[in-house]
Amino acid sequence: MKVYWITGLSGVGKTTVAKMLYENLKLNSAVVLLDGDILRKVFGSDLG
């Protein structure tokens, strides 16, 4: 199993890069994309 953790300042394109990486990797293996913005919407805004 491999994990690619993309970090950086707000608004620098982390989600864009992650989505591009996801699209390329999912062709050859099982891939899950976890986006912090989406996780905060699902689990609540009190996560920070």
N, C-alpha and C. Protein backbone atom coordinates (compact mmCIF):
# COMPACT_ATOMS: atom_id res chain seq x y z
N MET A 1 0.85 -1.17 0.00
CA MET A 1 0.00 0.00 0.00
C MET A 1 0.90 1.24 0.00
N LYS A 2 0.50 2.23 -0.78
CA LYS A 2 1.20 3.50 -0.82
C LYS A 2 0.24 4.61 -0.42
N VAL A 3 0.79 5.63 0.22
CA VAL A 3 0.01 6.80 0.61
C VAL A 3 0.72 8.03 0.06
N TYR A 4 -0.03 8.87 -0.63
CA TYR A 4 0.48 10.14 -1.12
C TYR A 4 -0.22 11.23 -0.33
N TRP A 5 0.54 11.96 0.47
CA TRP A 5 -0.02 12.99 1.33
C TRP A 5 0.40 14.34 0.76
N ILE A 6 -0.57 15.13 0.31
CA ILE A 6 -0.28 16.41 -0.32
C ILE A 6 -0.59 17.51 0.69
N THR A 7 0.42 18.31 1.01
CA THR A 7 0.23 19.38 1.98
C THR A 7 0.64 20.71 1.36
N GLY A 8 0.17 21.78 1.96
CA GLY A 8 0.53 23.11 1.49
C GLY A 8 -0.44 24.15 1.98
N LEU A 9 -0.17 25.37 1.64
CA LEU A 9 -1.01 26.48 2.06
C LEU A 9 -2.37 26.44 1.37
N SER A 10 -3.31 27.13 1.94
CA SER A 10 -4.65 27.21 1.37
C SER A 10 -4.61 27.90 0.00
N GLY A 11 -5.32 27.31 -0.96
CA GLY A 11 -5.46 27.94 -2.27
C GLY A 11 -4.32 27.75 -3.24
N VAL A 12 -3.40 26.82 -2.96
CA VAL A 12 -2.24 26.64 -3.84
C VAL A 12 -2.44 25.52 -4.87
N GLY A 13 -3.58 24.82 -4.82
CA GLY A 13 -3.86 23.81 -5.83
C GLY A 13 -3.71 22.37 -5.39
N LYS A 14 -3.72 22.11 -4.10
CA LYS A 14 -3.57 20.74 -3.60
C LYS A 14 -4.67 19.82 -4.13
N THR A 15 -5.91 20.30 -4.10
CA THR A 15 -7.03 19.48 -4.56
C THR A 15 -6.91 19.22 -6.05
N THR A 16 -6.51 20.20 -6.81
CA THR A 16 -6.34 20.05 -8.26
C THR A 16 -5.29 18.99 -8.57
N VAL A 17 -4.15 19.07 -7.89
CA VAL A 17 -3.08 18.10 -8.09
C VAL A 17 -3.54 16.71 -7.64
N ALA A 18 -4.23 16.64 -6.51
CA ALA A 18 -4.71 15.36 -6.00
C ALA A 18 -5.69 14.70 -6.97
N LYS A 19 -6.57 15.48 -7.55
CA LYS A 19 -7.54 14.94 -8.51
C LYS A 19 -6.85 14.44 -9.77
N MET A 20 -5.83 15.16 -10.22
CA MET A 20 -5.08 14.71 -11.40
C MET A 20 -4.33 13.41 -11.09
N LEU A 21 -3.71 13.34 -9.93
CA LEU A 21 -3.01 12.13 -9.52
C LEU A 21 -3.98 10.97 -9.39
N TYR A 22 -5.13 11.21 -8.79
CA TYR A 22 -6.18 10.19 -8.63
C TYR A 22 -6.61 9.64 -9.99
N GLU A 23 -6.86 10.51 -10.94
CA GLU A 23 -7.30 10.08 -12.26
C GLU A 23 -6.25 9.19 -12.95
N ASN A 24 -4.98 9.52 -12.76
CA ASN A 24 -3.91 8.72 -13.37
C ASN A 24 -3.71 7.39 -12.66
N LEU A 25 -3.82 7.38 -11.34
CA LEU A 25 -3.56 6.15 -10.58
C LEU A 25 -4.72 5.17 -10.64
N LYS A 26 -5.95 5.66 -10.74
CA LYS A 26 -7.10 4.75 -10.69
C LYS A 26 -7.18 3.84 -11.91
N LEU A 27 -6.44 4.15 -12.96
CA LEU A 27 -6.44 3.31 -14.15
C LEU A 27 -5.78 1.96 -13.89
N ASN A 28 -4.84 1.92 -12.94
CA ASN A 28 -4.06 0.72 -12.71
C ASN A 28 -4.27 0.07 -11.34
N SER A 29 -5.01 0.70 -10.45
CA SER A 29 -5.17 0.12 -9.12
C SER A 29 -6.38 0.72 -8.41
N ALA A 30 -6.68 0.13 -7.25
CA ALA A 30 -7.76 0.66 -6.42
C ALA A 30 -7.24 1.89 -5.69
N VAL A 31 -7.91 3.02 -5.86
CA VAL A 31 -7.43 4.29 -5.31
C VAL A 31 -8.58 4.98 -4.58
N VAL A 32 -8.26 5.61 -3.46
CA VAL A 32 -9.23 6.39 -2.71
C VAL A 32 -8.68 7.80 -2.57
N LEU A 33 -9.51 8.79 -2.86
CA LEU A 33 -9.13 10.20 -2.69
C LEU A 33 -9.88 10.75 -1.49
N LEU A 34 -9.13 11.18 -0.47
CA LEU A 34 -9.73 11.80 0.70
C LEU A 34 -9.37 13.28 0.68
N ASP A 35 -10.36 14.12 0.54
CA ASP A 35 -10.17 15.57 0.48
C ASP A 35 -10.61 16.18 1.80
N GLY A 36 -9.73 16.95 2.43
CA GLY A 36 -10.03 17.55 3.72
C GLY A 36 -11.26 18.42 3.72
N ASP A 37 -11.49 19.17 2.64
CA ASP A 37 -12.68 20.02 2.56
C ASP A 37 -13.95 19.19 2.61
N ILE A 38 -13.96 18.08 1.90
CA ILE A 38 -15.15 17.20 1.88
C ILE A 38 -15.33 16.51 3.23
N LEU A 39 -14.23 16.06 3.85
CA LEU A 39 -14.31 15.43 5.16
C LEU A 39 -14.87 16.38 6.21
N ARG A 40 -14.48 17.66 6.15
CA ARG A 40 -15.01 18.64 7.10
C ARG A 40 -16.50 18.84 6.89
N LYS A 41 -16.97 18.81 5.64
CA LYS A 41 -18.42 18.95 5.39
C LYS A 41 -19.19 17.77 5.95
N VAL A 42 -18.62 16.57 5.82
CA VAL A 42 -19.30 15.36 6.25
C VAL A 42 -19.28 15.23 7.78
N PHE A 43 -18.13 15.45 8.39
CA PHE A 43 -17.97 15.19 9.83
C PHE A 43 -18.13 16.43 10.70
N GLY A 44 -18.29 17.57 10.10
CA GLY A 44 -18.50 18.80 10.87
C GLY A 44 -17.36 19.76 10.74
N SER A 45 -17.68 21.01 10.88
CA SER A 45 -16.68 22.07 10.70
C SER A 45 -15.81 22.27 11.93
N ASP A 46 -16.05 21.54 13.01
CA ASP A 46 -15.28 21.73 14.23
C ASP A 46 -13.98 20.94 14.24
N LEU A 47 -13.61 20.32 13.09
CA LEU A 47 -12.37 19.55 13.02
C LEU A 47 -11.14 20.43 12.85
N GLY A 48 -11.32 21.64 12.41
CA GLY A 48 -10.19 22.55 12.24
C GLY A 48 -9.68 22.59 10.82
